[in-house]
Amino acid sequence: MNYNNKTFEELQLLAYEYIRKHRNTGGTSEFDHSINDISRASIVKFKELHGRCFLGKINHYECNRRNPDIKLIEFEGQKIFNFEYGFMLASNDEEVIRLINEHNKEREVFDSKEIMDRIIQINKRILELKGDFLIWS
């Protein structure tokens, strides 16, 4: 299916339908790339709608944990790989960047409640900014 002729709203509905349809099965199969294609088309439409699109992810496993310096990446038509980004925003928000850097700092003690609280705080900020989340398989 060609997703490039869909509106952003139509792409969101397709993504939610995919989740609803496969939420109990973990997806159709590793050969079903439809949700990945929907996410890529959503990035393009988001940029068209807002003029700019900044991509990011919350968990960075390959960063300097003592002094993370994580940035959002502006989408300018570059190739996007599956799972490369988890959300998109219309602006390069310093608060989201601060929260993500704080989340990725080295900790002496693992506290799962604290981790979830930080992730919820980041997600709330993304939603406040009218950002959207990307889904991959």
N, C-alpha and C. Protein backbone atom coordinates (compact mmCIF):
# COMPACT_ATOMS: atom_id res chain seq x y z
N MET A 1 0.85 -1.19 0.00
CA MET A 1 0.00 0.00 0.00
C MET A 1 0.89 1.24 0.00
N ASN A 2 0.47 2.24 -0.73
CA ASN A 2 1.18 3.51 -0.77
C ASN A 2 0.61 4.44 0.31
N TYR A 3 1.43 4.76 1.30
CA TYR A 3 0.98 5.60 2.41
C TYR A 3 1.25 7.08 2.16
N ASN A 4 1.98 7.39 1.11
CA ASN A 4 2.36 8.77 0.85
C ASN A 4 1.19 9.67 0.49
N ASN A 5 0.09 9.09 0.01
CA ASN A 5 -1.06 9.91 -0.34
C ASN A 5 -2.06 10.04 0.81
N LYS A 6 -1.73 9.53 1.98
CA LYS A 6 -2.59 9.61 3.15
C LYS A 6 -2.32 10.90 3.92
N THR A 7 -3.34 11.38 4.63
CA THR A 7 -3.14 12.52 5.52
C THR A 7 -2.50 12.04 6.81
N PHE A 8 -2.01 12.97 7.60
CA PHE A 8 -1.42 12.61 8.89
C PHE A 8 -2.45 11.90 9.77
N GLU A 9 -3.67 12.41 9.76
CA GLU A 9 -4.74 11.82 10.57
C GLU A 9 -5.06 10.39 10.11
N GLU A 10 -5.08 10.18 8.79
CA GLU A 10 -5.32 8.83 8.27
C GLU A 10 -4.19 7.88 8.67
N LEU A 11 -2.97 8.37 8.65
CA LEU A 11 -1.83 7.54 9.06
C LEU A 11 -1.91 7.19 10.54
N GLN A 12 -2.33 8.16 11.37
CA GLN A 12 -2.49 7.87 12.80
C GLN A 12 -3.55 6.79 13.01
N LEU A 13 -4.65 6.88 12.30
CA LEU A 13 -5.71 5.87 12.41
C LEU A 13 -5.20 4.49 11.97
N LEU A 14 -4.41 4.45 10.90
CA LEU A 14 -3.84 3.18 10.47
C LEU A 14 -2.90 2.59 11.51
N ALA A 15 -2.09 3.44 12.14
CA ALA A 15 -1.17 2.97 13.19
C ALA A 15 -1.96 2.45 14.39
N TYR A 16 -2.99 3.16 14.82
CA TYR A 16 -3.79 2.71 15.95
C TYR A 16 -4.54 1.42 15.61
N GLU A 17 -5.01 1.31 14.37
CA GLU A 17 -5.68 0.08 13.94
C GLU A 17 -4.71 -1.09 13.95
N TYR A 18 -3.48 -0.87 13.54
CA TYR A 18 -2.46 -1.92 13.57
C TYR A 18 -2.25 -2.40 15.02
N ILE A 19 -2.13 -1.45 15.93
CA ILE A 19 -1.94 -1.81 17.35
C ILE A 19 -3.14 -2.59 17.87
N ARG A 20 -4.34 -2.08 17.59
CA ARG A 20 -5.55 -2.73 18.07
C ARG A 20 -5.64 -4.15 17.53
N LYS A 21 -5.34 -4.30 16.26
CA LYS A 21 -5.46 -5.59 15.59
C LYS A 21 -4.44 -6.61 16.10
N HIS A 22 -3.23 -6.14 16.43
CA HIS A 22 -2.15 -7.06 16.77
C HIS A 22 -1.68 -6.97 18.22
N ARG A 23 -2.39 -6.26 19.07
CA ARG A 23 -1.90 -6.04 20.44
C ARG A 23 -1.73 -7.32 21.24
N ASN A 24 -2.49 -8.35 20.92
CA ASN A 24 -2.38 -9.59 21.68
C ASN A 24 -1.46 -10.61 21.02
N THR A 25 -0.99 -10.31 19.81
CA THR A 25 -0.17 -11.28 19.08
C THR A 25 1.26 -10.81 18.87
N GLY A 26 1.56 -9.55 19.17
CA GLY A 26 2.90 -9.03 18.98
C GLY A 26 3.19 -8.62 17.55
N GLY A 27 2.17 -8.55 16.72
CA GLY A 27 2.35 -8.16 15.32
C GLY A 27 1.99 -9.30 14.40
N THR A 28 2.00 -9.03 13.13
CA THR A 28 1.64 -10.08 12.18
C THR A 28 2.80 -11.03 11.98
N SER A 29 3.92 -10.50 11.53
CA SER A 29 5.15 -11.29 11.38
C SER A 29 6.28 -10.31 11.14
N GLU A 30 7.49 -10.83 11.19
CA GLU A 30 8.65 -9.96 10.94
C GLU A 30 8.70 -9.50 9.49
N PHE A 31 7.89 -10.11 8.64
CA PHE A 31 7.87 -9.74 7.23
C PHE A 31 6.82 -8.68 6.91
N ASP A 32 6.01 -8.32 7.90
CA ASP A 32 4.99 -7.27 7.71
C ASP A 32 5.64 -5.94 8.05
N HIS A 33 5.92 -5.15 7.04
CA HIS A 33 6.59 -3.86 7.24
C HIS A 33 5.61 -2.70 7.23
N SER A 34 4.31 -2.99 7.25
CA SER A 34 3.33 -1.92 7.09
C SER A 34 3.44 -0.86 8.18
N ILE A 35 3.63 -1.26 9.42
CA ILE A 35 3.70 -0.25 10.48
C ILE A 35 4.96 0.60 10.35
N ASN A 36 6.04 0.01 9.85
CA ASN A 36 7.26 0.78 9.62
C ASN A 36 7.04 1.80 8.50
N ASP A 37 6.36 1.38 7.45
CA ASP A 37 6.05 2.30 6.35
C ASP A 37 5.10 3.41 6.81
N ILE A 38 4.15 3.06 7.67
CA ILE A 38 3.23 4.06 8.22
C ILE A 38 4.01 5.08 9.05
N SER A 39 4.95 4.62 9.87
CA SER A 39 5.74 5.53 10.70
C SER A 39 6.59 6.46 9.84
N ARG A 40 7.21 5.92 8.80
CA ARG A 40 8.03 6.78 7.92
C ARG A 40 7.16 7.82 7.21
N ALA A 41 6.00 7.41 6.72
CA ALA A 41 5.09 8.34 6.05
C ALA A 41 4.58 9.38 7.04
N SER A 42 4.38 8.98 8.29
CA SER A 42 3.92 9.92 9.33
C SER A 42 4.95 11.01 9.58
N ILE A 43 6.22 10.65 9.56
CA ILE A 43 7.29 11.65 9.75
C ILE A 43 7.22 12.70 8.64
N VAL A 44 7.08 12.24 7.40
CA VAL A 44 7.01 13.16 6.26
C VAL A 44 5.78 14.07 6.39
N LYS A 45 4.63 13.50 6.71
CA LYS A 45 3.40 14.30 6.83
C LYS A 45 3.47 15.26 8.01
N PHE A 46 4.08 14.83 9.11
CA PHE A 46 4.23 15.69 10.28
C PHE A 46 5.04 16.93 9.90
N LYS A 47 6.12 16.72 9.17
CA LYS A 47 6.95 17.84 8.72
C LYS A 47 6.15 18.76 7.79
N GLU A 48 5.38 18.18 6.88
CA GLU A 48 4.55 18.99 5.99
C GLU A 48 3.54 19.83 6.78
N LEU A 49 2.97 19.23 7.80
CA LEU A 49 1.96 19.93 8.63
C LEU A 49 2.55 21.07 9.45
N HIS A 50 3.72 20.84 10.03
CA HIS A 50 4.29 21.77 11.00
C HIS A 50 5.48 22.58 10.48
N GLY A 51 5.95 22.25 9.31
CA GLY A 51 7.09 22.97 8.74
C GLY A 51 8.44 22.40 9.16
N ARG A 52 8.48 21.80 10.33
CA ARG A 52 9.69 21.18 10.85
C ARG A 52 9.31 19.91 11.60
N CYS A 53 10.28 19.01 11.70
CA CYS A 53 10.05 17.77 12.43
C CYS A 53 11.36 17.37 13.09
N PHE A 54 11.34 17.27 14.42
CA PHE A 54 12.51 16.83 15.18
C PHE A 54 12.23 15.45 15.73
N LEU A 55 13.19 14.55 15.54
CA LEU A 55 13.06 13.15 15.93
C LEU A 55 13.93 12.86 17.14
N GLY A 56 13.43 11.98 17.99
CA GLY A 56 14.21 11.61 19.16
C GLY A 56 13.81 10.25 19.69
N LYS A 57 14.59 9.79 20.66
CA LYS A 57 14.25 8.57 21.39
C LYS A 57 14.62 8.79 22.85
N ILE A 58 14.01 8.04 23.70
CA ILE A 58 14.18 8.24 25.15
C ILE A 58 15.39 7.49 25.68
N ASN A 59 15.50 6.22 25.35
CA ASN A 59 16.59 5.39 25.88
C ASN A 59 17.77 5.37 24.92
N HIS A 60 18.89 5.84 25.39
CA HIS A 60 20.13 5.85 24.60
C HIS A 60 21.13 4.92 25.29
N TYR A 61 21.41 3.80 24.65
CA TYR A 61 22.27 2.80 25.26
C TYR A 61 23.74 3.03 24.96
N GLU A 62 24.02 3.79 23.92
CA GLU A 62 25.41 4.01 23.50
C GLU A 62 25.87 5.44 23.79
N CYS A 63 25.47 6.00 24.92
CA CYS A 63 25.89 7.37 25.24
C CYS A 63 26.82 7.37 26.45
N ASN A 64 27.49 8.49 26.66
CA ASN A 64 28.32 8.67 27.84
C ASN A 64 27.39 8.86 29.03
N ARG A 65 27.23 7.87 29.85
CA ARG A 65 26.26 7.91 30.96
C ARG A 65 26.65 8.94 32.03
N ARG A 66 27.91 9.29 32.11
CA ARG A 66 28.32 10.29 33.10
C ARG A 66 27.94 11.70 32.67
N ASN A 67 27.92 11.92 31.36
CA ASN A 67 27.61 13.25 30.85
C ASN A 67 26.90 13.14 29.49
N PRO A 68 25.66 12.64 29.50
CA PRO A 68 24.97 12.49 28.21
C PRO A 68 24.73 13.85 27.55
N ASP A 69 24.89 13.87 26.25
CA ASP A 69 24.66 15.08 25.46
C ASP A 69 23.79 14.70 24.26
N ILE A 70 22.58 14.32 24.56
CA ILE A 70 21.65 13.82 23.56
C ILE A 70 20.89 14.98 22.94
N LYS A 71 20.74 14.94 21.64
CA LYS A 71 20.05 15.99 20.90
C LYS A 71 18.91 15.39 20.09
N LEU A 72 17.94 16.21 19.74
CA LEU A 72 16.93 15.81 18.78
C LEU A 72 17.50 16.04 17.39
N ILE A 73 17.07 15.25 16.43
CA ILE A 73 17.57 15.32 15.07
C ILE A 73 16.47 15.87 14.16
N GLU A 74 16.79 16.92 13.42
CA GLU A 74 15.79 17.47 12.51
C GLU A 74 15.67 16.57 11.28
N PHE A 75 14.42 16.25 10.93
CA PHE A 75 14.17 15.46 9.73
C PHE A 75 14.25 16.37 8.51
N GLU A 76 15.15 16.01 7.61
CA GLU A 76 15.34 16.78 6.38
C GLU A 76 15.32 15.86 5.17
N GLY A 77 14.55 14.79 5.28
CA GLY A 77 14.42 13.85 4.17
C GLY A 77 15.38 12.67 4.23
N GLN A 78 16.20 12.58 5.28
CA GLN A 78 17.17 11.49 5.37
C GLN A 78 16.46 10.15 5.59
N LYS A 79 17.16 9.08 5.28
CA LYS A 79 16.65 7.74 5.48
C LYS A 79 16.45 7.49 6.98
N ILE A 80 15.33 6.89 7.33
CA ILE A 80 15.01 6.57 8.72
C ILE A 80 14.95 5.05 8.86
N PHE A 81 15.74 4.52 9.78
CA PHE A 81 15.77 3.09 10.02
C PHE A 81 14.73 2.70 11.07
N ASN A 82 14.27 1.45 11.01
CA ASN A 82 13.34 0.94 12.01
C ASN A 82 13.92 1.12 13.40
N PHE A 83 13.14 1.58 14.32
CA PHE A 83 13.49 1.74 15.73
C PHE A 83 14.52 2.84 15.98
N GLU A 84 14.89 3.60 14.97
CA GLU A 84 15.90 4.64 15.14
C GLU A 84 15.39 5.76 16.04
N TYR A 85 14.12 6.10 15.91
CA TYR A 85 13.51 7.17 16.71
C TYR A 85 12.18 6.69 17.27
N GLY A 86 11.80 7.27 18.40
CA GLY A 86 10.57 6.87 19.05
C GLY A 86 9.49 7.93 19.07
N PHE A 87 9.86 9.18 18.75
CA PHE A 87 8.86 10.24 18.75
C PHE A 87 9.28 11.36 17.83
N MET A 88 8.32 12.26 17.56
CA MET A 88 8.60 13.43 16.72
C MET A 88 7.91 14.65 17.30
N LEU A 89 8.57 15.79 17.15
CA LEU A 89 8.09 17.07 17.65
C LEU A 89 8.22 18.12 16.55
N ALA A 90 7.42 19.17 16.66
CA ALA A 90 7.50 20.27 15.69
C ALA A 90 8.59 21.28 16.06
N SER A 91 9.13 21.16 17.26
CA SER A 91 10.18 22.10 17.68
C SER A 91 11.28 21.34 18.42
N ASN A 92 12.45 21.95 18.48
CA ASN A 92 13.59 21.37 19.16
C ASN A 92 13.50 21.81 20.63
N ASP A 93 12.71 21.10 21.40
CA ASP A 93 12.35 21.51 22.75
C ASP A 93 13.46 21.22 23.77
N GLU A 94 13.94 22.27 24.40
CA GLU A 94 15.02 22.14 25.40
C GLU A 94 14.59 21.33 26.62
N GLU A 95 13.32 21.40 26.99
CA GLU A 95 12.85 20.66 28.16
C GLU A 95 12.86 19.14 27.88
N VAL A 96 12.42 18.74 26.72
CA VAL A 96 12.47 17.32 26.36
C VAL A 96 13.92 16.84 26.35
N ILE A 97 14.80 17.64 25.76
CA ILE A 97 16.22 17.27 25.71
C ILE A 97 16.79 17.15 27.12
N ARG A 98 16.47 18.10 28.00
CA ARG A 98 16.95 18.05 29.38
C ARG A 98 16.45 16.79 30.08
N LEU A 99 15.16 16.49 29.92
CA LEU A 99 14.56 15.32 30.56
C LEU A 99 15.20 14.02 30.05
N ILE A 100 15.45 13.93 28.75
CA ILE A 100 16.06 12.72 28.17
C ILE A 100 17.50 12.58 28.65
N ASN A 101 18.24 13.67 28.67
CA ASN A 101 19.62 13.60 29.19
C ASN A 101 19.64 13.18 30.65
N GLU A 102 18.74 13.72 31.44
CA GLU A 102 18.66 13.35 32.85
C GLU A 102 18.30 11.87 33.00
N HIS A 103 17.38 11.40 32.17
CA HIS A 103 16.96 10.00 32.21
C HIS A 103 18.12 9.05 31.88
N ASN A 104 19.02 9.46 31.01
CA ASN A 104 20.10 8.60 30.55
C ASN A 104 21.38 8.71 31.39
N LYS A 105 21.34 9.51 32.45
CA LYS A 105 22.52 9.62 33.32
C LYS A 105 22.74 8.34 34.11
N GLU A 106 24.00 8.10 34.39
CA GLU A 106 24.40 6.95 35.20
C GLU A 106 23.79 7.06 36.60
N ARG A 107 23.32 5.95 37.11
CA ARG A 107 22.73 5.89 38.45
C ARG A 107 23.46 4.83 39.26
N GLU A 108 23.64 5.10 40.53
CA GLU A 108 24.27 4.10 41.40
C GLU A 108 23.30 3.00 41.78
N VAL A 109 22.02 3.36 41.88
CA VAL A 109 21.00 2.39 42.30
C VAL A 109 19.92 2.33 41.22
N PHE A 110 19.53 1.11 40.85
CA PHE A 110 18.46 0.92 39.87
C PHE A 110 17.13 1.02 40.60
N ASP A 111 16.30 1.97 40.23
CA ASP A 111 14.99 2.18 40.84
C ASP A 111 13.95 2.21 39.73
N SER A 112 13.24 1.10 39.54
CA SER A 112 12.30 1.00 38.42
C SER A 112 11.17 2.02 38.50
N LYS A 113 10.72 2.37 39.70
CA LYS A 113 9.67 3.38 39.84
C LYS A 113 10.18 4.74 39.38
N GLU A 114 11.39 5.08 39.76
CA GLU A 114 11.98 6.34 39.34
C GLU A 114 12.13 6.39 37.81
N ILE A 115 12.54 5.28 37.22
CA ILE A 115 12.70 5.20 35.77
C ILE A 115 11.35 5.42 35.08
N MET A 116 10.31 4.74 35.56
CA MET A 116 8.99 4.90 34.95
C MET A 116 8.46 6.32 35.14
N ASP A 117 8.70 6.90 36.29
CA ASP A 117 8.27 8.29 36.52
C ASP A 117 8.93 9.24 35.53
N ARG A 118 10.21 9.03 35.25
CA ARG A 118 10.92 9.88 34.28
C ARG A 118 10.38 9.68 32.87
N ILE A 119 10.13 8.43 32.50
CA ILE A 119 9.59 8.15 31.16
C ILE A 119 8.20 8.76 31.01
N ILE A 120 7.37 8.65 32.03
CA ILE A 120 6.04 9.25 31.99
C ILE A 120 6.15 10.77 31.86
N GLN A 121 7.06 11.37 32.57
CA GLN A 121 7.27 12.82 32.49
C GLN A 121 7.70 13.23 31.07
N ILE A 122 8.59 12.48 30.47
CA ILE A 122 9.03 12.77 29.09
C ILE A 122 7.85 12.62 28.13
N ASN A 123 7.11 11.53 28.25
CA ASN A 123 5.95 11.31 27.37
C ASN A 123 4.91 12.40 27.53
N LYS A 124 4.66 12.84 28.74
CA LYS A 124 3.70 13.93 28.97
C LYS A 124 4.16 15.20 28.28
N ARG A 125 5.44 15.50 28.35
CA ARG A 125 5.96 16.70 27.70
C ARG A 125 5.80 16.60 26.17
N ILE A 126 6.08 15.43 25.62
CA ILE A 126 5.90 15.22 24.18
C ILE A 126 4.45 15.47 23.79
N LEU A 127 3.52 14.95 24.58
CA LEU A 127 2.10 15.16 24.30
C LEU A 127 1.69 16.62 24.47
N GLU A 128 2.23 17.30 25.48
CA GLU A 128 1.95 18.73 25.67
C GLU A 128 2.33 19.53 24.43
N LEU A 129 3.41 19.13 23.79
CA LEU A 129 3.92 19.83 22.61
C LEU A 129 3.22 19.38 21.33
N LYS A 130 2.20 18.52 21.47
CA LYS A 130 1.46 17.98 20.32
C LYS A 130 2.36 17.13 19.42
N GLY A 131 3.33 16.49 20.06
CA GLY A 131 4.19 15.56 19.34
C GLY A 131 3.47 14.24 19.15
N ASP A 132 4.13 13.31 18.51
CA ASP A 132 3.53 12.00 18.28
C ASP A 132 4.60 10.93 18.42
N PHE A 133 4.15 9.71 18.65
CA PHE A 133 5.05 8.59 18.86
C PHE A 133 5.11 7.72 17.61
N LEU A 134 6.26 7.10 17.41
CA LEU A 134 6.47 6.24 16.24
C LEU A 134 6.44 4.78 16.68
N ILE A 135 5.88 3.94 15.84
CA ILE A 135 5.71 2.53 16.14
C ILE A 135 6.46 1.73 15.08
N TRP A 136 7.21 0.75 15.52
CA TRP A 136 8.03 -0.05 14.61
C TRP A 136 7.82 -1.54 14.89
N SER A 137 8.13 -2.36 13.89
CA SER A 137 8.05 -3.82 14.11
C SER A 137 9.33 -4.48 13.61
